């Protein structure tokens, strides 16, 4: 038998050694440019490969111009930014799995400390437990010990999504996969930036591991794998790219995951189980991001919350409580509009909660769907805030949309204290928050409809938070 170790000949792995789950991820329909690999995996030639092939002649000329003797050339090493070494890697507020796994992976890759911007959700808890990874510390605790720590933002770059304890002059890097918008951070010095239009920030970290010929530990690989499955809706969402599919296959191999579909089902189930018990306040604020606009017809901030679930009916049954919570949230955060999309991650369909006539006008201009029961719009197979919700709203607003005049005021005339006050349940280990003491039911004002926008009442005081004894 030939010793491949000594001859340098690459060992070809038997197809039966490949994990079935990882293999199926890359098994796409064979087209005109289908390519067969050693393990029997088939995929189409990607757009990136088309672009590389188009540059083949130019590349050959460059290589021909290089010295034949490599000893006469300086050694070139793959570059990793030294500025990130010993940094604190932290995700966005309303922490999700991608921001936590990305921070953990980046800290392992570059050398540093992962941190949480806010408490983790049940899906992230599931992944941490499954892969035996210790939950990172809160950024506030880290900064209390080392207030001058340098920061690398992961999975975000907008100030509205950044933990307020982080100062701009502490930021030395950004690793993200979102669009650059009006509240993108501004720094007074050059920083490291890695932003790629991929489906998950964890895909970027996994790709960097591989391109630098480094193997992530099994637990790290598992966390990154779960994060990619989460952000891309099990590789079925519209943000999914070939790079996401490839990294899922690689990470599944390293983490020894034989059934990717089963893993996705387990983590989505963990996520949905928590949603059934969450308060209206938690659902509206749990995964909410704000976006600023300065167009000719509209200037203001729009909040867009998303609830991803395997059972939409459980969330829709809470509509009568979600609408007034959205109205209160608008007043508290001084938003012009607020939307809540309920995304079914199994059926890949969404519904949009409309809390007022202003939202109704903008949503109809952007999405064109029918509104039922006065506050629910069918968004069809749109499921991505990043790619299908916000870009459409942005285009409509930039094209000159204006809020119609003389809209009914409804709940916008309601004083903030009439919505009730927030209480923290001390018996809940996660400190669940619920709004209680609403007087709306006794005033005869509509609760489930007609929450208007742009209310600038001077007496809208901030809501206090009470801890129930």
Foldseek 3Di string as FASTA:
>chain_A
DDDCVVVVDDDQDELVVAQPALLVLQADDADPQWDADSNRRIHHDDPVNVVVVVCVVVVVVVVVPDDPDCVVPDDDADDDDLVCAAAEEEEWPLDELQRQLLRVLVCVVNPYAYAYLDDYAQLNVVLCVVLVHDRGYHPVVVCVVVVLGAYEYEADFFPQGHRVSDDLASYQYYQHAFDDADRGRDHPDDHHYHYHQAQGSLLVSLVVCVVNVHDDALSSLSSSLQRLCVSCLNVPRPSHDVSSSNSNSVSCVRNVPNHSPVVSVVSQVSRQVVVLPAALLCQQPSAKDKHFDDAPADGWIEIEGEAEHQDQVSVVVCLLVNLLSLLLVCLQVVGQYYKYWYANSVVQWIKIFHNAPQSVVLCCQQQVFDDPPATIGTNGNHHDCRPRNVVSSRVSVNVPDHRDPPGAAACLPPASCLSAAWEFEPVDPSRHIYGDDHCVVVPPGRRNYHHHGDRDDPRNDHGDYHYDD
